[in-house]
Amino acid sequence: MNLRSFEQFQEGAAHAGVIYYYAGCFDGDMMNVLSRALKDKLEYENVSGPVKRKLFSSFVEMAQNILHYGGAPGNGTCPEPGKPGAIGMGQAEQSYWIACGNLVPSEQVERIHGKLTALKSMSLAEIKAAYRQQLANDEHEATDAISKGAGLGLLTIARDSTQPIEFEFVPHTQSAGRFSYFYLKTVI
């Protein structure tokens, strides 16, 4: 990257209100580093307790989604068991946002899209009820063999969001259709 490109990146990040950003490999060690850095950043920014908890919780869920469900086209960008992805946090007016992006296997797009579309249509009361129901669901593994967290991650993100979650899937052309980029955003 030349300096002009870096300057444009920095200006774009400042214009978008970015206060925290990471792009690279996600693994257990990096999750610990990112979590600690986020806690420190939230302390430095004097974020209130309830907002801090929601930001941290949503951040962890989004980063874990990258780590647990992210795909990689096998180009060697991340050593195993890491997964390539990006996550950022910023501020817009009186709210904070968290956005993440990573590759997912294309055969998972429809399943994820369905879950997120359903969440977008739910009220906060419905999301909270679904969260409680899922906590009590001992049959989760039989109904969703892919999800590792009993399906609570997306419910947690939606529950803590002050606006409907946003998402988008973009085909990853370099993988000949095997993967798509998955972008997710929440506002707190």
C-alpha atoms as a PDB file:
ATOM      1  CA  MET A   1       0.000   0.000   0.000  1.00  0.00           C
ATOM      2  CA  ASN A   2       1.391   3.378  -0.875  1.00  0.00           C
ATOM      3  CA  LEU A   3       1.078   6.340   1.473  1.00  0.00           C
ATOM      4  CA  ARG A   4      -1.673   7.990  -0.563  1.00  0.00           C
ATOM      5  CA  SER A   5      -3.784   4.835  -0.320  1.00  0.00           C
ATOM      6  CA  PHE A   6      -3.185   4.707   3.420  1.00  0.00           C
ATOM      7  CA  GLU A   7      -4.168   8.360   3.733  1.00  0.00           C
ATOM      8  CA  GLN A   8      -7.412   7.655   1.847  1.00  0.00           C
ATOM      9  CA  PHE A   9      -8.091   4.643   4.081  1.00  0.00           C
ATOM     10  CA  GLN A  10      -7.518   6.759   7.198  1.00  0.00           C
ATOM     11  CA  GLU A  11      -9.745   9.578   5.912  1.00  0.00           C
ATOM     12  CA  GLY A  12     -12.505   7.113   4.997  1.00  0.00           C
ATOM     13  CA  ALA A  13     -12.331   5.504   8.432  1.00  0.00           C
ATOM     14  CA  ALA A  14     -12.491   8.892  10.166  1.00  0.00           C
ATOM     15  CA  HIS A  15     -15.444   9.962   7.994  1.00  0.00           C
ATOM     16  CA  ALA A  16     -17.290   6.721   8.862  1.00  0.00           C
ATOM     17  CA  GLY A  17     -16.658   7.214  12.591  1.00  0.00           C
ATOM     18  CA  VAL A  18     -14.420   4.154  12.927  1.00  0.00           C
ATOM     19  CA  ILE A  19     -12.797   3.947  16.351  1.00  0.00           C
ATOM     20  CA  TYR A  20     -11.691   0.303  16.296  1.00  0.00           C
ATOM     21  CA  TYR A  21     -10.840  -1.977  13.358  1.00  0.00           C
ATOM     22  CA  TYR A  22      -9.057  -5.251  12.697  1.00  0.00           C
ATOM     23  CA  ALA A  23      -8.656  -7.238   9.499  1.00  0.00           C
ATOM     24  CA  GLY A  24      -6.702 -10.458   9.350  1.00  0.00           C
ATOM     25  CA  CYS A  25      -6.725 -13.953  10.783  1.00  0.00           C
ATOM     26  CA  PHE A  26      -9.112 -14.834  13.599  1.00  0.00           C
ATOM     27  CA  ASP A  27      -8.059 -17.593  15.996  1.00  0.00           C
ATOM     28  CA  GLY A  28      -8.320 -18.123  19.750  1.00  0.00           C
ATOM     29  CA  ASP A  29      -5.234 -16.076  20.568  1.00  0.00           C
ATOM     30  CA  MET A  30      -6.311 -13.191  18.339  1.00  0.00           C
ATOM     31  CA  MET A  31      -9.798 -13.278  19.887  1.00  0.00           C
ATOM     32  CA  ASN A  32      -8.197 -12.759  23.315  1.00  0.00           C
ATOM     33  CA  VAL A  33      -6.063  -9.873  22.039  1.00  0.00           C
ATOM     34  CA  LEU A  34      -8.993  -8.202  20.258  1.00  0.00           C
ATOM     35  CA  SER A  35     -11.276  -8.615  23.279  1.00  0.00           C
ATOM     36  CA  ARG A  36      -8.720  -7.060  25.621  1.00  0.00           C
ATOM     37  CA  ALA A  37      -8.072  -4.181  23.213  1.00  0.00           C
ATOM     38  CA  LEU A  38     -11.808  -3.537  22.867  1.00  0.00           C
ATOM     39  CA  LYS A  39     -12.305  -3.517  26.645  1.00  0.00           C
ATOM     40  CA  ASP A  40      -9.479  -0.998  26.965  1.00  0.00           C
ATOM     41  CA  LYS A  41     -10.902   1.144  24.154  1.00  0.00           C
ATOM     42  CA  LEU A  42     -14.379   1.177  25.720  1.00  0.00           C
ATOM     43  CA  GLU A  43     -12.870   2.182  29.072  1.00  0.00           C
ATOM     44  CA  TYR A  44     -10.868   4.943  27.388  1.00  0.00           C
ATOM     45  CA  GLU A  45     -14.003   6.203  25.598  1.00  0.00           C
ATOM     46  CA  ASN A  46     -15.917   6.219  28.949  1.00  0.00           C
ATOM     47  CA  VAL A  47     -18.741   4.140  27.495  1.00  0.00           C
ATOM     48  CA  SER A  48     -21.542   3.546  30.024  1.00  0.00           C
ATOM     49  CA  GLY A  49     -21.899   0.123  31.647  1.00  0.00           C
ATOM     50  CA  PRO A  50     -25.000  -1.191  29.821  1.00  0.00           C
ATOM     51  CA  VAL A  51     -23.801   0.049  26.426  1.00  0.00           C
ATOM     52  CA  LYS A  52     -20.318  -1.325  27.088  1.00  0.00           C
ATOM     53  CA  ARG A  53     -21.777  -4.747  27.924  1.00  0.00           C
ATOM     54  CA  LYS A  54     -23.893  -4.797  24.754  1.00  0.00           C
ATOM     55  CA  LEU A  55     -20.992  -3.654  22.575  1.00  0.00           C
ATOM     56  CA  PHE A  56     -18.634  -6.213  24.040  1.00  0.00           C
ATOM     57  CA  SER A  57     -21.200  -9.018  23.841  1.00  0.00           C
ATOM     58  CA  SER A  58     -22.078  -8.270  20.208  1.00  0.00           C
ATOM     59  CA  PHE A  59     -18.412  -7.878  19.294  1.00  0.00           C
ATOM     60  CA  VAL A  60     -17.561 -11.281  20.790  1.00  0.00           C
ATOM     61  CA  GLU A  61     -20.506 -12.959  19.035  1.00  0.00           C
ATOM     62  CA  MET A  62     -19.540 -11.442  15.679  1.00  0.00           C
ATOM     63  CA  ALA A  63     -15.874 -12.365  16.064  1.00  0.00           C
ATOM     64  CA  GLN A  64     -16.827 -15.904  17.103  1.00  0.00           C
ATOM     65  CA  ASN A  65     -19.033 -16.191  14.020  1.00  0.00           C
ATOM     66  CA  ILE A  66     -15.972 -15.415  11.904  1.00  0.00           C
ATOM     67  CA  LEU A  67     -13.865 -17.946  13.783  1.00  0.00           C
ATOM     68  CA  HIS A  68     -16.425 -20.761  13.927  1.00  0.00           C
ATOM     69  CA  TYR A  69     -18.310 -20.383  10.653  1.00  0.00           C
ATOM     70  CA  GLY A  70     -15.965 -18.484   8.370  1.00  0.00           C
ATOM     71  CA  GLY A  71     -14.697 -20.115   5.246  1.00  0.00           C
ATOM     72  CA  ALA A  72     -11.457 -19.789   3.383  1.00  0.00           C
ATOM     73  CA  PRO A  73     -10.862 -20.489  -0.290  1.00  0.00           C
ATOM     74  CA  GLY A  74      -7.621 -22.301   0.483  1.00  0.00           C
ATOM     75  CA  ASN A  75      -5.297 -19.555  -0.689  1.00  0.00           C
ATOM     76  CA  GLY A  76      -3.134 -19.758   2.428  1.00  0.00           C
ATOM     77  CA  THR A  77      -4.092 -16.341   3.809  1.00  0.00           C
ATOM     78  CA  CYS A  78      -4.539 -17.767   7.332  1.00  0.00           C
ATOM     79  CA  PRO A  79      -2.800 -20.704   8.939  1.00  0.00           C
ATOM     80  CA  GLU A  80      -5.145 -23.304  10.464  1.00  0.00           C
ATOM     81  CA  PRO A  81      -7.249 -22.982  12.544  1.00  0.00           C
ATOM     82  CA  GLY A  82      -7.500 -19.253  11.784  1.00  0.00           C
ATOM     83  CA  LYS A  83     -10.148 -17.739   9.546  1.00  0.00           C
ATOM     84  CA  PRO A  84      -9.793 -14.520   7.536  1.00  0.00           C
ATOM     85  CA  GLY A  85     -12.170 -11.703   8.374  1.00  0.00           C
ATOM     86  CA  ALA A  86     -12.602  -8.114   9.481  1.00  0.00           C
ATOM     87  CA  ILE A  87     -14.426  -6.412  12.327  1.00  0.00           C
ATOM     88  CA  GLY A  88     -14.830  -2.769  13.202  1.00  0.00           C
ATOM     89  CA  MET A  89     -16.618  -0.515  15.627  1.00  0.00           C
ATOM     90  CA  GLY A  90     -17.524   3.108  15.264  1.00  0.00           C
ATOM     91  CA  GLN A  91     -19.722   5.893  16.499  1.00  0.00           C
ATOM     92  CA  ALA A  92     -22.468   7.745  14.654  1.00  0.00           C
ATOM     93  CA  GLU A  93     -24.230  10.492  16.591  1.00  0.00           C
ATOM     94  CA  GLN A  94     -25.357   8.958  19.905  1.00  0.00           C
ATOM     95  CA  SER A  95     -25.022   5.324  18.813  1.00  0.00           C
ATOM     96  CA  TYR A  96     -22.234   2.846  18.242  1.00  0.00           C
ATOM     97  CA  TRP A  97     -22.100   0.333  15.412  1.00  0.00           C
ATOM     98  CA  ILE A  98     -20.220  -2.906  14.949  1.00  0.00           C
ATOM     99  CA  ALA A  99     -19.727  -4.432  11.515  1.00  0.00           C
ATOM    100  CA  CYS A 100     -17.936  -7.565  10.449  1.00  0.00           C
ATOM    101  CA  GLY A 101     -17.200  -9.387   7.242  1.00  0.00           C
ATOM    102  CA  ASN A 102     -15.924 -12.816   6.349  1.00  0.00           C
ATOM    103  CA  LEU A 103     -16.198 -15.571   3.804  1.00  0.00           C
ATOM    104  CA  VAL A 104     -18.849 -18.257   4.235  1.00  0.00           C
ATOM    105  CA  PRO A 105     -19.385 -21.385   2.138  1.00  0.00           C
ATOM    106  CA  SER A 106     -21.979 -20.533  -0.513  1.00  0.00           C
ATOM    107  CA  GLU A 107     -24.144 -23.501   0.477  1.00  0.00           C
ATOM    108  CA  GLN A 108     -24.667 -21.811   3.882  1.00  0.00           C
ATOM    109  CA  VAL A 109     -25.901 -18.481   2.477  1.00  0.00           C
ATOM    110  CA  GLU A 110     -29.562 -19.495   2.246  1.00  0.00           C
ATOM    111  CA  ARG A 111     -29.617 -20.859   5.825  1.00  0.00           C
ATOM    112  CA  ILE A 112     -27.948 -17.748   7.287  1.00  0.00           C
ATOM    113  CA  HIS A 113     -30.086 -15.417   5.152  1.00  0.00           C
ATOM    114  CA  GLY A 114     -33.246 -17.117   6.423  1.00  0.00           C
ATOM    115  CA  LYS A 115     -32.224 -16.769  10.065  1.00  0.00           C
ATOM    116  CA  LEU A 116     -31.308 -13.101   9.665  1.00  0.00           C
ATOM    117  CA  THR A 117     -34.435 -12.248   7.676  1.00  0.00           C
ATOM    118  CA  ALA A 118     -36.560 -13.788  10.428  1.00  0.00           C
ATOM    119  CA  LEU A 119     -34.659 -11.800  13.079  1.00  0.00           C
ATOM    120  CA  LYS A 120     -35.140  -8.535  11.170  1.00  0.00           C
ATOM    121  CA  SER A 121     -38.899  -9.035  11.192  1.00  0.00           C
ATOM    122  CA  MET A 122     -39.117  -9.674  14.955  1.00  0.00           C
ATOM    123  CA  SER A 123     -39.902  -7.134  17.653  1.00  0.00           C
ATOM    124  CA  LEU A 124     -37.582  -6.839  20.650  1.00  0.00           C
ATOM    125  CA  ALA A 125     -40.103  -8.765  22.764  1.00  0.00           C
ATOM    126  CA  GLU A 126     -40.169 -11.558  20.164  1.00  0.00           C
ATOM    127  CA  ILE A 127     -36.362 -11.656  20.034  1.00  0.00           C
ATOM    128  CA  LYS A 128     -36.159 -11.900  23.830  1.00  0.00           C
ATOM    129  CA  ALA A 129     -38.774 -14.675  23.848  1.00  0.00           C
ATOM    130  CA  ALA A 130     -36.888 -16.569  21.119  1.00  0.00           C
ATOM    131  CA  TYR A 131     -33.675 -16.163  23.118  1.00  0.00           C
ATOM    132  CA  ARG A 132     -35.287 -17.619  26.259  1.00  0.00           C
ATOM    133  CA  GLN A 133     -36.834 -20.437  24.232  1.00  0.00           C
ATOM    134  CA  GLN A 134     -33.489 -21.250  22.623  1.00  0.00           C
ATOM    135  CA  LEU A 135     -31.779 -21.314  26.033  1.00  0.00           C
ATOM    136  CA  ALA A 136     -34.204 -24.041  27.070  1.00  0.00           C
ATOM    137  CA  ASN A 137     -33.922 -25.947  23.762  1.00  0.00           C
ATOM    138  CA  ASP A 138     -32.153 -29.212  24.512  1.00  0.00           C
ATOM    139  CA  GLU A 139     -32.901 -30.439  20.979  1.00  0.00           C
ATOM    140  CA  HIS A 140     -30.788 -27.782  19.234  1.00  0.00           C
ATOM    141  CA  GLU A 141     -28.110 -30.138  17.949  1.00  0.00           C
ATOM    142  CA  ALA A 142     -30.763 -32.295  16.285  1.00  0.00           C
ATOM    143  CA  THR A 143     -32.331 -29.333  14.467  1.00  0.00           C
ATOM    144  CA  ASP A 144     -29.173 -27.393  13.501  1.00  0.00           C
ATOM    145  CA  ALA A 145     -26.014 -29.462  13.230  1.00  0.00           C
ATOM    146  CA  ILE A 146     -24.013 -26.475  11.929  1.00  0.00           C
ATOM    147  CA  SER A 147     -24.515 -23.939  14.722  1.00  0.00           C
ATOM    148  CA  LYS A 148     -22.087 -24.420  17.600  1.00  0.00           C
ATOM    149  CA  GLY A 149     -23.670 -22.002  20.087  1.00  0.00           C
ATOM    150  CA  ALA A 150     -27.227 -23.314  20.304  1.00  0.00           C
ATOM    151  CA  GLY A 151     -28.247 -20.533  17.898  1.00  0.00           C
ATOM    152  CA  LEU A 152     -27.841 -17.852  20.546  1.00  0.00           C
ATOM    153  CA  GLY A 153     -25.225 -15.680  18.827  1.00  0.00           C
ATOM    154  CA  LEU A 154     -27.449 -13.975  16.270  1.00  0.00           C
ATOM    155  CA  LEU A 155     -30.240 -13.690  18.845  1.00  0.00           C
ATOM    156  CA  THR A 156     -27.802 -11.974  21.224  1.00  0.00           C
ATOM    157  CA  ILE A 157     -26.726  -9.511  18.534  1.00  0.00           C
ATOM    158  CA  ALA A 158     -30.342  -8.758  17.558  1.00  0.00           C
ATOM    159  CA  ARG A 159     -31.445  -8.469  21.208  1.00  0.00           C
ATOM    160  CA  ASP A 160     -28.771  -5.882  21.988  1.00  0.00           C
ATOM    161  CA  SER A 161     -29.270  -3.863  18.793  1.00  0.00           C
ATOM    162  CA  THR A 162     -31.284  -0.645  18.820  1.00  0.00           C
ATOM    163  CA  GLN A 163     -32.077  -1.014  15.112  1.00  0.00           C
ATOM    164  CA  PRO A 164     -32.773  -4.001  12.869  1.00  0.00           C
ATOM    165  CA  ILE A 165     -29.529  -5.783  12.045  1.00  0.00           C
ATOM    166  CA  GLU A 166     -28.189  -5.255   8.539  1.00  0.00           C
ATOM    167  CA  PHE A 167     -26.604  -7.955   6.423  1.00  0.00           C
ATOM    168  CA  GLU A 168     -25.431  -8.625   2.896  1.00  0.00           C
ATOM    169  CA  PHE A 169     -23.942 -11.496   0.918  1.00  0.00           C
ATOM    170  CA  VAL A 170     -21.601 -10.826  -2.003  1.00  0.00           C
ATOM    171  CA  PRO A 171     -20.315 -13.650  -4.225  1.00  0.00           C
ATOM    172  CA  HIS A 172     -16.559 -14.258  -3.930  1.00  0.00           C
ATOM    173  CA  THR A 173     -15.635 -14.476  -7.591  1.00  0.00           C
ATOM    174  CA  GLN A 174     -12.102 -15.773  -6.986  1.00  0.00           C
ATOM    175  CA  SER A 175     -13.468 -18.993  -5.425  1.00  0.00           C
ATOM    176  CA  ALA A 176     -15.527 -19.978  -8.481  1.00  0.00           C
ATOM    177  CA  GLY A 177     -18.757 -19.678  -6.490  1.00  0.00           C
ATOM    178  CA  ARG A 178     -17.671 -21.809  -3.528  1.00  0.00           C
ATOM    179  CA  PHE A 179     -17.717 -18.841  -1.101  1.00  0.00           C
ATOM    180  CA  SER A 180     -19.546 -15.573  -0.523  1.00  0.00           C
ATOM    181  CA  TYR A 181     -18.600 -12.566   1.575  1.00  0.00           C
ATOM    182  CA  PHE A 182     -20.975 -12.181   4.503  1.00  0.00           C
ATOM    183  CA  TYR A 183     -21.315  -8.717   6.040  1.00  0.00           C
ATOM    184  CA  LEU A 184     -23.225  -8.057   9.266  1.00  0.00           C
ATOM    185  CA  LYS A 185     -23.886  -4.791  11.110  1.00  0.00           C
ATOM    186  CA  THR A 186     -25.560  -3.940  14.398  1.00  0.00           C
ATOM    187  CA  VAL A 187     -26.232  -0.573  16.044  1.00  0.00           C
ATOM    188  CA  ILE A 188     -26.159  -0.152  19.821  1.00  0.00           C
END
